[in-house]
Each structure stands twice: as structure tokens, then as C-alpha cells.
Amino acid sequence: MSGGTSQEKTTLPKFYETGLQQGVGMGRDISAMGYTPYYGPDVAAMSPMETAGIQGTQQAASAFGMPTGEGQYMPEPTTFAGGVQGYSSQPIFQDSVDRFAADRPAQSAYYDSFFVDPYTGQMGSRTAQNQPVALEMTAAQKRGK
């Protein structure tokens, strides 16, 4: 009695393979984008009515000899598009990025090499597009190597 082996091959339909390759390609492109900071307001500033309400409460407390929170404890809000006033963490974030680059230039350059340069559009040396990895599904005979 001789033993035999059975081998079953499963191949993906061409449309699925194409879609899969396009998805992987888009993922590679998006991975090069890097972090995109938000430049808008994170927190809204108080409205004039809110400010007046706080001042009224302070005046009432003062009339009865109670301590008040006199003085401005918040920085001046920034005015954004459409006249919206608020506070943004972007300057603090940018300061952190700048300090990182100044204090640890080699580590900062290594990190940046994974992404596209936001000023020039030049791909970093370690982006997926610059890696020697080829997709294996290129022909019916080579699918699923």
C-alpha cells in the first residue's frame, strides 16, 4: 500500500488581489504622512456673559467681606477663524517638538526619517516607499508564497 499526499491550493480572485494590493499601497502612503498637529482652539474662551457672571459673583462676595478671585488667571484668548475665541495647546506642542530637536538632534532626525518632510514633500529615508519589500502576489502561480 503506498501513501499519497494531497495538496490543495487556494488562490484569491484577481479583483480581490488587486483591491488588497491597493489597500496595502494606500497604507504605505498614509504611514509616511506622520503626525498632523491640530492648530485650532482646544478650549473655548469664556463669553462676555460668562465673564460678567464671574465678576458679579466676585462683587457679591466682596460686599460680604469674602475673599474673591480678583485678577486675570487666564491668558488672553486667541481669535481664530470666524471670530471664535479660545485657547490652543499648539504653541506648547510646537515648543516641545522644537526642544526635542534641539536637545536630541540625532533621535529627532531618526524619527523624522520615517515620514514625509512637511515643508518639501521629500520622502524620508525610512518611509515604506523606500524599503526593499515587494508584494508577493504578482501572478497566479506565485500567490500566497
C-alpha atoms as a PDB file:
ATOM      1  CA  MET A   1       0.000   0.000   0.000  1.00  0.00           C
ATOM      2  CA  SER A   2       1.524   3.267  -0.986  1.00  0.00           C
ATOM      3  CA  GLY A   3       0.772   6.550   0.726  1.00  0.00           C
ATOM      4  CA  GLY A   4      -0.008   9.656  -1.160  1.00  0.00           C
ATOM      5  CA  THR A   5      -0.162  13.289  -0.410  1.00  0.00           C
ATOM      6  CA  SER A   6      -2.791  15.698  -1.423  1.00  0.00           C
ATOM      7  CA  GLN A   7      -2.140  19.320  -1.928  1.00  0.00           C
ATOM      8  CA  GLU A   8      -4.838  21.929  -2.230  1.00  0.00           C
ATOM      9  CA  LYS A   9      -4.113  25.428  -3.472  1.00  0.00           C
ATOM     10  CA  THR A  10      -6.358  28.333  -2.805  1.00  0.00           C
ATOM     11  CA  THR A  11      -5.985  31.403  -4.912  1.00  0.00           C
ATOM     12  CA  LEU A  12      -7.616  34.750  -4.462  1.00  0.00           C
ATOM     13  CA  PRO A  13      -9.817  36.157  -7.196  1.00  0.00           C
ATOM     14  CA  LYS A  14      -7.988  38.768  -9.267  1.00  0.00           C
ATOM     15  CA  PHE A  15     -10.321  41.599  -8.160  1.00  0.00           C
ATOM     16  CA  TYR A  16      -9.632  40.752  -4.515  1.00  0.00           C
ATOM     17  CA  GLU A  17      -5.878  40.598  -5.088  1.00  0.00           C
ATOM     18  CA  THR A  18      -5.983  43.987  -6.835  1.00  0.00           C
ATOM     19  CA  GLY A  19      -8.013  45.521  -4.001  1.00  0.00           C
ATOM     20  CA  LEU A  20      -5.680  44.050  -1.421  1.00  0.00           C
ATOM     21  CA  GLN A  21      -2.619  45.457  -3.181  1.00  0.00           C
ATOM     22  CA  GLN A  22      -4.289  48.871  -3.476  1.00  0.00           C
ATOM     23  CA  GLY A  23      -5.126  48.792   0.239  1.00  0.00           C
ATOM     24  CA  VAL A  24      -1.554  47.899   1.164  1.00  0.00           C
ATOM     25  CA  GLY A  25      -0.304  50.661  -1.142  1.00  0.00           C
ATOM     26  CA  MET A  26      -2.604  53.221   0.475  1.00  0.00           C
ATOM     27  CA  GLY A  27      -1.475  52.066   3.915  1.00  0.00           C
ATOM     28  CA  ARG A  28       2.148  52.560   2.909  1.00  0.00           C
ATOM     29  CA  ASP A  29       1.377  56.039   1.572  1.00  0.00           C
ATOM     30  CA  ILE A  30      -0.560  57.075   4.668  1.00  0.00           C
ATOM     31  CA  SER A  31       2.119  55.714   7.013  1.00  0.00           C
ATOM     32  CA  ALA A  32       4.565  58.238   5.536  1.00  0.00           C
ATOM     33  CA  MET A  33       2.295  61.162   6.415  1.00  0.00           C
ATOM     34  CA  GLY A  34       3.291  61.357  10.063  1.00  0.00           C
ATOM     35  CA  TYR A  35       1.538  63.272  12.782  1.00  0.00           C
ATOM     36  CA  THR A  36      -0.506  66.249  11.654  1.00  0.00           C
ATOM     37  CA  PRO A  37      -0.934  68.695  14.540  1.00  0.00           C
ATOM     38  CA  TYR A  38      -4.196  70.494  15.198  1.00  0.00           C
ATOM     39  CA  TYR A  39      -3.801  74.257  15.128  1.00  0.00           C
ATOM     40  CA  GLY A  40      -7.300  75.312  16.181  1.00  0.00           C
ATOM     41  CA  PRO A  41      -8.710  76.017  19.637  1.00  0.00           C
ATOM     42  CA  ASP A  42      -8.775  73.146  22.134  1.00  0.00           C
ATOM     43  CA  VAL A  43     -10.893  75.011  24.679  1.00  0.00           C
ATOM     44  CA  ALA A  44     -13.331  77.839  24.068  1.00  0.00           C
ATOM     45  CA  ALA A  45     -12.766  81.144  25.827  1.00  0.00           C
ATOM     46  CA  MET A  46     -15.424  82.471  28.150  1.00  0.00           C
ATOM     47  CA  SER A  47     -18.137  84.546  26.574  1.00  0.00           C
ATOM     48  CA  PRO A  48     -18.692  88.142  27.727  1.00  0.00           C
ATOM     49  CA  MET A  49     -21.760  86.960  29.665  1.00  0.00           C
ATOM     50  CA  GLU A  50     -19.766  84.295  31.494  1.00  0.00           C
ATOM     51  CA  THR A  51     -17.092  86.858  32.381  1.00  0.00           C
ATOM     52  CA  ALA A  52     -19.774  89.274  33.637  1.00  0.00           C
ATOM     53  CA  GLY A  53     -21.322  86.495  35.734  1.00  0.00           C
ATOM     54  CA  ILE A  54     -17.988  85.753  37.394  1.00  0.00           C
ATOM     55  CA  GLN A  55     -17.392  89.454  38.044  1.00  0.00           C
ATOM     56  CA  GLY A  56     -20.872  89.764  39.590  1.00  0.00           C
ATOM     57  CA  THR A  57     -20.188  86.821  41.868  1.00  0.00           C
ATOM     58  CA  GLN A  58     -16.862  88.359  42.911  1.00  0.00           C
ATOM     59  CA  GLN A  59     -18.547  91.703  43.655  1.00  0.00           C
ATOM     60  CA  ALA A  60     -21.230  89.999  45.739  1.00  0.00           C
ATOM     61  CA  ALA A  61     -18.607  88.043  47.675  1.00  0.00           C
ATOM     62  CA  SER A  62     -16.597  91.220  48.217  1.00  0.00           C
ATOM     63  CA  ALA A  63     -19.675  93.048  49.582  1.00  0.00           C
ATOM     64  CA  PHE A  64     -19.854  90.473  52.385  1.00  0.00           C
ATOM     65  CA  GLY A  65     -16.121  90.539  53.093  1.00  0.00           C
ATOM     66  CA  MET A  66     -15.477  87.186  51.495  1.00  0.00           C
ATOM     67  CA  PRO A  67     -12.305  86.526  49.503  1.00  0.00           C
ATOM     68  CA  THR A  68     -12.571  86.908  45.764  1.00  0.00           C
ATOM     69  CA  GLY A  69     -10.533  85.643  42.863  1.00  0.00           C
ATOM     70  CA  GLU A  70      -9.519  89.123  41.766  1.00  0.00           C
ATOM     71  CA  GLY A  71      -7.267  89.361  38.766  1.00  0.00           C
ATOM     72  CA  GLN A  72      -6.946  87.593  35.481  1.00  0.00           C
ATOM     73  CA  TYR A  73      -5.852  83.989  35.900  1.00  0.00           C
ATOM     74  CA  MET A  74      -6.071  83.010  32.243  1.00  0.00           C
ATOM     75  CA  PRO A  75      -4.002  84.336  29.352  1.00  0.00           C
ATOM     76  CA  GLU A  76      -5.727  86.375  26.704  1.00  0.00           C
ATOM     77  CA  PRO A  77      -7.615  84.096  24.328  1.00  0.00           C
ATOM     78  CA  THR A  78      -6.632  83.756  20.685  1.00  0.00           C
ATOM     79  CA  THR A  79      -9.117  84.734  17.993  1.00  0.00           C
ATOM     80  CA  PHE A  80      -9.479  82.055  15.322  1.00  0.00           C
ATOM     81  CA  ALA A  81     -11.355  81.931  12.003  1.00  0.00           C
ATOM     82  CA  GLY A  82     -14.887  83.235  12.203  1.00  0.00           C
ATOM     83  CA  GLY A  83     -14.149  85.233  15.351  1.00  0.00           C
ATOM     84  CA  VAL A  84     -14.095  82.155  17.592  1.00  0.00           C
ATOM     85  CA  GLN A  85     -12.028  82.801  20.699  1.00  0.00           C
ATOM     86  CA  GLY A  86     -10.270  80.081  22.600  1.00  0.00           C
ATOM     87  CA  TYR A  87      -7.061  78.520  23.815  1.00  0.00           C
ATOM     88  CA  SER A  88      -4.828  76.192  21.821  1.00  0.00           C
ATOM     89  CA  SER A  89      -2.193  73.743  23.017  1.00  0.00           C
ATOM     90  CA  GLN A  90      -0.403  74.026  19.652  1.00  0.00           C
ATOM     91  CA  PRO A  91       2.245  76.547  20.826  1.00  0.00           C
ATOM     92  CA  ILE A  92       3.105  74.270  23.770  1.00  0.00           C
ATOM     93  CA  PHE A  93       3.268  71.231  21.490  1.00  0.00           C
ATOM     94  CA  GLN A  94       5.450  73.070  18.953  1.00  0.00           C
ATOM     95  CA  ASP A  95       7.783  74.206  21.726  1.00  0.00           C
ATOM     96  CA  SER A  96       8.139  70.571  22.840  1.00  0.00           C
ATOM     97  CA  VAL A  97       8.923  69.425  19.283  1.00  0.00           C
ATOM     98  CA  ASP A  98      11.486  72.214  18.861  1.00  0.00           C
ATOM     99  CA  ARG A  99      13.140  71.425  22.192  1.00  0.00           C
ATOM    100  CA  PHE A 100      13.273  67.717  21.297  1.00  0.00           C
ATOM    101  CA  ALA A 101      15.006  68.559  18.006  1.00  0.00           C
ATOM    102  CA  ALA A 102      17.449  70.919  19.759  1.00  0.00           C
ATOM    103  CA  ASP A 103      18.256  68.626  22.701  1.00  0.00           C
ATOM    104  CA  ARG A 104      18.284  65.297  20.829  1.00  0.00           C
ATOM    105  CA  PRO A 105      19.040  66.075  17.180  1.00  0.00           C
ATOM    106  CA  ALA A 106      20.035  62.540  16.129  1.00  0.00           C
ATOM    107  CA  GLN A 107      16.951  60.962  17.683  1.00  0.00           C
ATOM    108  CA  SER A 108      14.748  63.666  16.158  1.00  0.00           C
ATOM    109  CA  ALA A 109      16.279  63.097  12.709  1.00  0.00           C
ATOM    110  CA  TYR A 110      15.750  59.345  13.045  1.00  0.00           C
ATOM    111  CA  TYR A 111      12.085  59.873  13.952  1.00  0.00           C
ATOM    112  CA  ASP A 112      11.612  62.315  11.070  1.00  0.00           C
ATOM    113  CA  SER A 113      13.163  59.841   8.600  1.00  0.00           C
ATOM    114  CA  PHE A 114      10.005  57.692   8.803  1.00  0.00           C
ATOM    115  CA  PHE A 115       7.788  60.458   7.405  1.00  0.00           C
ATOM    116  CA  VAL A 116       7.425  62.889   4.531  1.00  0.00           C
ATOM    117  CA  ASP A 117       9.024  66.300   5.112  1.00  0.00           C
ATOM    118  CA  PRO A 118       6.034  68.625   5.686  1.00  0.00           C
ATOM    119  CA  TYR A 119       7.837  71.561   4.040  1.00  0.00           C
ATOM    120  CA  THR A 120       9.472  69.978   0.972  1.00  0.00           C
ATOM    121  CA  GLY A 121       7.334  66.896   0.389  1.00  0.00           C
ATOM    122  CA  GLN A 122      10.515  64.798   0.216  1.00  0.00           C
ATOM    123  CA  MET A 123      10.011  61.226   1.449  1.00  0.00           C
ATOM    124  CA  GLY A 124      12.052  60.289   4.492  1.00  0.00           C
ATOM    125  CA  SER A 125      14.729  57.651   4.023  1.00  0.00           C
ATOM    126  CA  ARG A 126      12.808  55.106   6.130  1.00  0.00           C
ATOM    127  CA  THR A 127       9.318  55.554   4.673  1.00  0.00           C
ATOM    128  CA  ALA A 128       7.655  52.407   3.372  1.00  0.00           C
ATOM    129  CA  GLN A 129       8.239  53.558  -0.211  1.00  0.00           C
ATOM    130  CA  ASN A 130      11.992  53.456   0.408  1.00  0.00           C
ATOM    131  CA  GLN A 131      12.048  49.956   1.894  1.00  0.00           C
ATOM    132  CA  PRO A 132      13.032  46.988  -0.296  1.00  0.00           C
ATOM    133  CA  VAL A 133       9.854  44.979   0.293  1.00  0.00           C
ATOM    134  CA  ALA A 134       7.964  43.736  -2.745  1.00  0.00           C
ATOM    135  CA  LEU A 135       4.418  42.427  -2.718  1.00  0.00           C
ATOM    136  CA  GLU A 136       4.433  38.678  -3.262  1.00  0.00           C
ATOM    137  CA  MET A 137       1.087  38.359  -5.006  1.00  0.00           C
ATOM    138  CA  THR A 138       2.090  39.245  -8.527  1.00  0.00           C
ATOM    139  CA  ALA A 139       0.950  36.285 -10.603  1.00  0.00           C
ATOM    140  CA  ALA A 140      -1.421  33.350 -10.249  1.00  0.00           C
ATOM    141  CA  GLN A 141       1.479  30.907  -9.794  1.00  0.00           C
ATOM    142  CA  LYS A 142       3.108  32.988  -7.056  1.00  0.00           C
ATOM    143  CA  ARG A 143       0.071  33.862  -4.925  1.00  0.00           C
ATOM    144  CA  GLY A 144       0.349  33.031  -1.264  1.00  0.00           C
ATOM    145  CA  LYS A 145       4.040  32.040  -1.353  1.00  0.00           C
END
